[in-house]
Amino acid sequence: MSGTWTDDSDHDEAVRQAERAERFAWRAIGGVSALLVLVAVAVAVALLVAGVALAYALTVVTD
């Protein structure tokens, strides 16, 4: 081995870019997951309201 210095700056920059991309990807996954949870909660509330309205309508019609 000749003892020459190897320049790793390109590798280090690639590693930093990959880490930034990974952080962005995890934030995107978290954001989409949160949005899906909000949609699921909204659908559940809508179904609950529809069920209560239907039950009320059936009691009014039968009286």
PDB file of N, CA and C in Angstrom:
ATOM      1  N   MET A   1       0.850  -1.172   0.000  1.00  0.00           N
ATOM      2  CA  MET A   1       0.000   0.000   0.000  1.00  0.00           C
ATOM      3  C   MET A   1       0.888   1.225   0.000  1.00  0.00           C
ATOM      4  N   SER A   2       0.552   2.195  -0.794  1.00  0.00           N
ATOM      5  CA  SER A   2       1.422   3.350  -0.970  1.00  0.00           C
ATOM      6  C   SER A   2       1.225   4.407   0.105  1.00  0.00           C
ATOM      7  N   GLY A   3       0.195   4.302   0.897  1.00  0.00           N
ATOM      8  CA  GLY A   3      -0.037   5.283   1.955  1.00  0.00           C
ATOM      9  C   GLY A   3      -0.665   6.569   1.454  1.00  0.00           C
ATOM     10  N   THR A   4      -1.276   6.543   0.291  1.00  0.00           N
ATOM     11  CA  THR A   4      -1.922   7.749  -0.238  1.00  0.00           C
ATOM     12  C   THR A   4      -3.268   7.947   0.427  1.00  0.00           C
ATOM     13  N   TRP A   5      -3.651   9.186   0.542  1.00  0.00           N
ATOM     14  CA  TRP A   5      -4.930   9.547   1.153  1.00  0.00           C
ATOM     15  C   TRP A   5      -6.033   9.400   0.115  1.00  0.00           C
ATOM     16  N   THR A   6      -7.116   8.761   0.502  1.00  0.00           N
ATOM     17  CA  THR A   6      -8.263   8.666  -0.402  1.00  0.00           C
ATOM     18  C   THR A   6      -9.299   9.692   0.027  1.00  0.00           C
ATOM     19  N   ASP A   7      -9.865  10.356  -0.938  1.00  0.00           N
ATOM     20  CA  ASP A   7     -10.858  11.401  -0.673  1.00  0.00           C
ATOM     21  C   ASP A   7     -12.241  10.756  -0.600  1.00  0.00           C
ATOM     22  N   ASP A   8     -12.830  10.776   0.589  1.00  0.00           N
ATOM     23  CA  ASP A   8     -14.144  10.167   0.800  1.00  0.00           C
ATOM     24  C   ASP A   8     -15.260  11.204   0.788  1.00  0.00           C
ATOM     25  N   SER A   9     -14.988  12.412   0.342  1.00  0.00           N
ATOM     26  CA  SER A   9     -16.008  13.465   0.419  1.00  0.00           C
ATOM     27  C   SER A   9     -17.234  13.138  -0.433  1.00  0.00           C
ATOM     28  N   ASP A  10     -17.030  12.511  -1.590  1.00  0.00           N
ATOM     29  CA  ASP A  10     -18.180  12.136  -2.421  1.00  0.00           C
ATOM     30  C   ASP A  10     -19.044  11.100  -1.705  1.00  0.00           C
ATOM     31  N   HIS A  11     -18.389  10.146  -1.081  1.00  0.00           N
ATOM     32  CA  HIS A  11     -19.126   9.117  -0.336  1.00  0.00           C
ATOM     33  C   HIS A  11     -19.874   9.736   0.836  1.00  0.00           C
ATOM     34  N   ASP A  12     -19.206  10.610   1.564  1.00  0.00           N
ATOM     35  CA  ASP A  12     -19.843  11.252   2.718  1.00  0.00           C
ATOM     36  C   ASP A  12     -21.052  12.078   2.293  1.00  0.00           C
ATOM     37  N   GLU A  13     -20.927  12.794   1.176  1.00  0.00           N
ATOM     38  CA  GLU A  13     -22.060  13.583   0.676  1.00  0.00           C
ATOM     39  C   GLU A  13     -23.207  12.668   0.249  1.00  0.00           C
ATOM     40  N   ALA A  14     -22.900  11.550  -0.381  1.00  0.00           N
ATOM     41  CA  ALA A  14     -23.940  10.594  -0.778  1.00  0.00           C
ATOM     42  C   ALA A  14     -24.652  10.031   0.448  1.00  0.00           C
ATOM     43  N   VAL A  15     -23.903   9.757   1.506  1.00  0.00           N
ATOM     44  CA  VAL A  15     -24.506   9.248   2.742  1.00  0.00           C
ATOM     45  C   VAL A  15     -25.420  10.307   3.340  1.00  0.00           C
ATOM     46  N   ARG A  16     -24.987  11.573   3.354  1.00  0.00           N
ATOM     47  CA  ARG A  16     -25.835  12.645   3.898  1.00  0.00           C
ATOM     48  C   ARG A  16     -27.117  12.804   3.073  1.00  0.00           C
ATOM     49  N   GLN A  17     -26.989  12.732   1.756  1.00  0.00           N
ATOM     50  CA  GLN A  17     -28.181  12.837   0.904  1.00  0.00           C
ATOM     51  C   GLN A  17     -29.131  11.673   1.154  1.00  0.00           C
ATOM     52  N   ALA A  18     -28.587  10.483   1.312  1.00  0.00           N
ATOM     53  CA  ALA A  18     -29.431   9.312   1.574  1.00  0.00           C
ATOM     54  C   ALA A  18     -30.143   9.452   2.917  1.00  0.00           C
ATOM     55  N   GLU A  19     -29.442   9.979   3.922  1.00  0.00           N
ATOM     56  CA  GLU A  19     -30.073  10.177   5.228  1.00  0.00           C
ATOM     57  C   GLU A  19     -31.173  11.222   5.156  1.00  0.00           C
ATOM     58  N   ARG A  20     -30.954  12.292   4.405  1.00  0.00           N
ATOM     59  CA  ARG A  20     -32.006  13.306   4.228  1.00  0.00           C
ATOM     60  C   ARG A  20     -33.213  12.714   3.512  1.00  0.00           C
ATOM     61  N   ALA A  21     -32.957  11.924   2.488  1.00  0.00           N
ATOM     62  CA  ALA A  21     -34.052  11.283   1.744  1.00  0.00           C
ATOM     63  C   ALA A  21     -34.831  10.330   2.642  1.00  0.00           C
ATOM     64  N   GLU A  22     -34.117   9.611   3.489  1.00  0.00           N
ATOM     65  CA  GLU A  22     -34.789   8.679   4.400  1.00  0.00           C
ATOM     66  C   GLU A  22     -35.649   9.430   5.413  1.00  0.00           C
ATOM     67  N   ARG A  23     -35.131  10.534   5.966  1.00  0.00           N
ATOM     68  CA  ARG A  23     -35.924  11.327   6.913  1.00  0.00           C
ATOM     69  C   ARG A  23     -37.176  11.876   6.231  1.00  0.00           C
ATOM     70  N   PHE A  24     -37.033  12.361   4.996  1.00  0.00           N
ATOM     71  CA  PHE A  24     -38.185  12.870   4.254  1.00  0.00           C
ATOM     72  C   PHE A  24     -39.204  11.753   4.018  1.00  0.00           C
ATOM     73  N   ALA A  25     -38.716  10.579   3.655  1.00  0.00           N
ATOM     74  CA  ALA A  25     -39.625   9.458   3.387  1.00  0.00           C
ATOM     75  C   ALA A  25     -40.396   9.065   4.639  1.00  0.00           C
ATOM     76  N   TRP A  26     -39.709   9.028   5.797  1.00  0.00           N
ATOM     77  CA  TRP A  26     -40.406   8.677   7.037  1.00  0.00           C
ATOM     78  C   TRP A  26     -41.425   9.739   7.411  1.00  0.00           C
ATOM     79  N   ARG A  27     -41.095  11.021   7.165  1.00  0.00           N
ATOM     80  CA  ARG A  27     -42.083  12.077   7.439  1.00  0.00           C
ATOM     81  C   ARG A  27     -43.286  11.946   6.513  1.00  0.00           C
ATOM     82  N   ALA A  28     -43.045  11.618   5.254  1.00  0.00           N
ATOM     83  CA  ALA A  28     -44.145  11.429   4.303  1.00  0.00           C
ATOM     84  C   ALA A  28     -45.019  10.247   4.718  1.00  0.00           C
ATOM     85  N   ILE A  29     -44.390   9.159   5.128  1.00  0.00           N
ATOM     86  CA  ILE A  29     -45.148   7.987   5.590  1.00  0.00           C
ATOM     87  C   ILE A  29     -45.984   8.355   6.816  1.00  0.00           C
ATOM     88  N   GLY A  30     -45.394   9.097   7.736  1.00  0.00           N
ATOM     89  CA  GLY A  30     -46.132   9.525   8.921  1.00  0.00           C
ATOM     90  C   GLY A  30     -47.295  10.430   8.577  1.00  0.00           C
ATOM     91  N   GLY A  31     -47.087  11.342   7.650  1.00  0.00           N
ATOM     92  CA  GLY A  31     -48.164  12.249   7.239  1.00  0.00           C
ATOM     93  C   GLY A  31     -49.310  11.512   6.572  1.00  0.00           C
ATOM     94  N   VAL A  32     -48.980  10.603   5.688  1.00  0.00           N
ATOM     95  CA  VAL A  32     -50.030   9.830   5.003  1.00  0.00           C
ATOM     96  C   VAL A  32     -50.763   8.943   6.005  1.00  0.00           C
ATOM     97  N   SER A  33     -50.034   8.360   6.933  1.00  0.00           N
ATOM     98  CA  SER A  33     -50.679   7.522   7.952  1.00  0.00           C
ATOM     99  C   SER A  33     -51.635   8.341   8.811  1.00  0.00           C
ATOM    100  N   ALA A  34     -51.202   9.527   9.208  1.00  0.00           N
ATOM    101  CA  ALA A  34     -52.076  10.395  10.006  1.00  0.00           C
ATOM    102  C   ALA A  34     -53.315  10.783   9.215  1.00  0.00           C
ATOM    103  N   LEU A  35     -53.143  11.069   7.941  1.00  0.00           N
ATOM    104  CA  LEU A  35     -54.286  11.418   7.098  1.00  0.00           C
ATOM    105  C   LEU A  35     -55.256  10.241   6.989  1.00  0.00           C
ATOM    106  N   LEU A  36     -54.736   9.042   6.838  1.00  0.00           N
ATOM    107  CA  LEU A  36     -55.603   7.870   6.758  1.00  0.00           C
ATOM    108  C   LEU A  36     -56.353   7.638   8.066  1.00  0.00           C
ATOM    109  N   VAL A  37     -55.703   7.883   9.189  1.00  0.00           N
ATOM    110  CA  VAL A  37     -56.378   7.750  10.487  1.00  0.00           C
ATOM    111  C   VAL A  37     -57.498   8.769  10.591  1.00  0.00           C
ATOM    112  N   LEU A  38     -57.239  10.002  10.175  1.00  0.00           N
ATOM    113  CA  LEU A  38     -58.288  11.033  10.215  1.00  0.00           C
ATOM    114  C   LEU A  38     -59.472  10.661   9.325  1.00  0.00           C
ATOM    115  N   VAL A  39     -59.190  10.129   8.154  1.00  0.00           N
ATOM    116  CA  VAL A  39     -60.269   9.707   7.255  1.00  0.00           C
ATOM    117  C   VAL A  39     -61.060   8.564   7.885  1.00  0.00           C
ATOM    118  N   ALA A  40     -60.365   7.616   8.503  1.00  0.00           N
ATOM    119  CA  ALA A  40     -61.053   6.488   9.143  1.00  0.00           C
ATOM    120  C   ALA A  40     -61.935   6.970  10.294  1.00  0.00           C
ATOM    121  N   VAL A  41     -61.438   7.920  11.073  1.00  0.00           N
ATOM    122  CA  VAL A  41     -62.247   8.461  12.169  1.00  0.00           C
ATOM    123  C   VAL A  41     -63.468   9.198  11.609  1.00  0.00           C
ATOM    124  N   ALA A  42     -63.280   9.978  10.551  1.00  0.00           N
ATOM    125  CA  ALA A  42     -64.396  10.699   9.948  1.00  0.00           C
ATOM    126  C   ALA A  42     -65.450   9.731   9.413  1.00  0.00           C
ATOM    127  N   VAL A  43     -65.023   8.660   8.789  1.00  0.00           N
ATOM    128  CA  VAL A  43     -65.967   7.659   8.276  1.00  0.00           C
ATOM    129  C   VAL A  43     -66.703   6.985   9.427  1.00  0.00           C
ATOM    130  N   ALA A  44     -65.990   6.667  10.497  1.00  0.00           N
ATOM    131  CA  ALA A  44     -66.631   6.033  11.653  1.00  0.00           C
ATOM    132  C   ALA A  44     -67.672   6.960  12.274  1.00  0.00           C
ATOM    133  N   VAL A  45     -67.346   8.236  12.388  1.00  0.00           N
ATOM    134  CA  VAL A  45     -68.300   9.197  12.948  1.00  0.00           C
ATOM    135  C   VAL A  45     -69.511   9.333  12.021  1.00  0.00           C
ATOM    136  N   ALA A  46     -69.273   9.391  10.730  1.00  0.00           N
ATOM    137  CA  ALA A  46     -70.378   9.499   9.771  1.00  0.00           C
ATOM    138  C   ALA A  46     -71.292   8.279   9.853  1.00  0.00           C
ATOM    139  N   LEU A  47     -70.702   7.094   9.975  1.00  0.00           N
ATOM    140  CA  LEU A  47     -71.518   5.883  10.101  1.00  0.00           C
ATOM    141  C   LEU A  47     -72.309   5.876  11.409  1.00  0.00           C
ATOM    142  N   LEU A  48     -71.692   6.345  12.467  1.00  0.00           N
ATOM    143  CA  LEU A  48     -72.387   6.424  13.750  1.00  0.00           C
ATOM    144  C   LEU A  48     -73.566   7.395  13.672  1.00  0.00           C
ATOM    145  N   VAL A  49     -73.346   8.544  13.083  1.00  0.00           N
ATOM    146  CA  VAL A  49     -74.421   9.535  12.929  1.00  0.00           C
ATOM    147  C   VAL A  49     -75.531   8.972  12.049  1.00  0.00           C
ATOM    148  N   ALA A  50     -75.159   8.298  10.964  1.00  0.00           N
ATOM    149  CA  ALA A  50     -76.164   7.710  10.080  1.00  0.00           C
ATOM    150  C   ALA A  50     -76.958   6.627  10.815  1.00  0.00           C
ATOM    151  N   GLY A  51     -76.285   5.831  11.630  1.00  0.00           N
ATOM    152  CA  GLY A  51     -76.984   4.796  12.397  1.00  0.00           C
ATOM    153  C   GLY A  51     -77.943   5.391  13.406  1.00  0.00           C
ATOM    154  N   VAL A  52     -77.523   6.443  14.090  1.00  0.00           N
ATOM    155  CA  VAL A  52     -78.404   7.103  15.060  1.00  0.00           C
ATOM    156  C   VAL A  52     -79.592   7.737  14.345  1.00  0.00           C
ATOM    157  N   ALA A  53     -79.345   8.372  13.206  1.00  0.00           N
ATOM    158  CA  ALA A  53     -80.429   8.985  12.443  1.00  0.00           C
ATOM    159  C   ALA A  53     -81.410   7.914  11.951  1.00  0.00           C
ATOM    160  N   LEU A  54     -80.902   6.803  11.505  1.00  0.00           N
ATOM    161  CA  LEU A  54     -81.771   5.716  11.051  1.00  0.00           C
ATOM    162  C   LEU A  54     -82.591   5.159  12.211  1.00  0.00           C
ATOM    163  N   ALA A  55     -81.963   4.958  13.341  1.00  0.00           N
ATOM    164  CA  ALA A  55     -82.695   4.462  14.514  1.00  0.00           C
ATOM    165  C   ALA A  55     -83.763   5.446  14.921  1.00  0.00           C
ATOM    166  N   TYR A  56     -83.454   6.711  14.920  1.00  0.00           N
ATOM    167  CA  TYR A  56     -84.452   7.742  15.258  1.00  0.00           C
ATOM    168  C   TYR A  56     -85.585   7.732  14.246  1.00  0.00           C
ATOM    169  N   ALA A  57     -85.256   7.648  12.966  1.00  0.00           N
ATOM    170  CA  ALA A  57     -86.284   7.651  11.929  1.00  0.00           C
ATOM    171  C   ALA A  57     -87.188   6.426  12.081  1.00  0.00           C
ATOM    172  N   LEU A  58     -86.618   5.288  12.413  1.00  0.00           N
ATOM    173  CA  LEU A  58     -87.454   4.100  12.574  1.00  0.00           C
ATOM    174  C   LEU A  58     -88.368   4.205  13.778  1.00  0.00           C
ATOM    175  N   THR A  59     -87.918   4.854  14.846  1.00  0.00           N
ATOM    176  CA  THR A  59     -88.791   5.017  16.020  1.00  0.00           C
ATOM    177  C   THR A  59     -89.902   6.012  15.732  1.00  0.00           C
ATOM    178  N   VAL A  60     -89.623   7.041  14.945  1.00  0.00           N
ATOM    179  CA  VAL A  60     -90.638   8.032  14.609  1.00  0.00           C
ATOM    180  C   VAL A  60     -91.693   7.431  13.676  1.00  0.00           C
ATOM    181  N   VAL A  61     -91.249   6.624  12.718  1.00  0.00           N
ATOM    182  CA  VAL A  61     -92.174   6.019  11.762  1.00  0.00           C
ATOM    183  C   VAL A  61     -93.063   5.004  12.450  1.00  0.00           C
ATOM    184  N   THR A  62     -92.545   4.238  13.387  1.00  0.00           N
ATOM    185  CA  THR A  62     -93.336   3.199  14.029  1.00  0.00           C
ATOM    186  C   THR A  62     -94.300   3.758  15.070  1.00  0.00           C
ATOM    187  N   ASP A  63     -94.081   4.990  15.509  1.00  0.00           N
ATOM    188  CA  ASP A  63     -95.003   5.568  16.515  1.00  0.00           C
ATOM    189  C   ASP A  63     -96.257   6.096  15.925  1.00  0.00           C
TER     190      ASP A  63
END
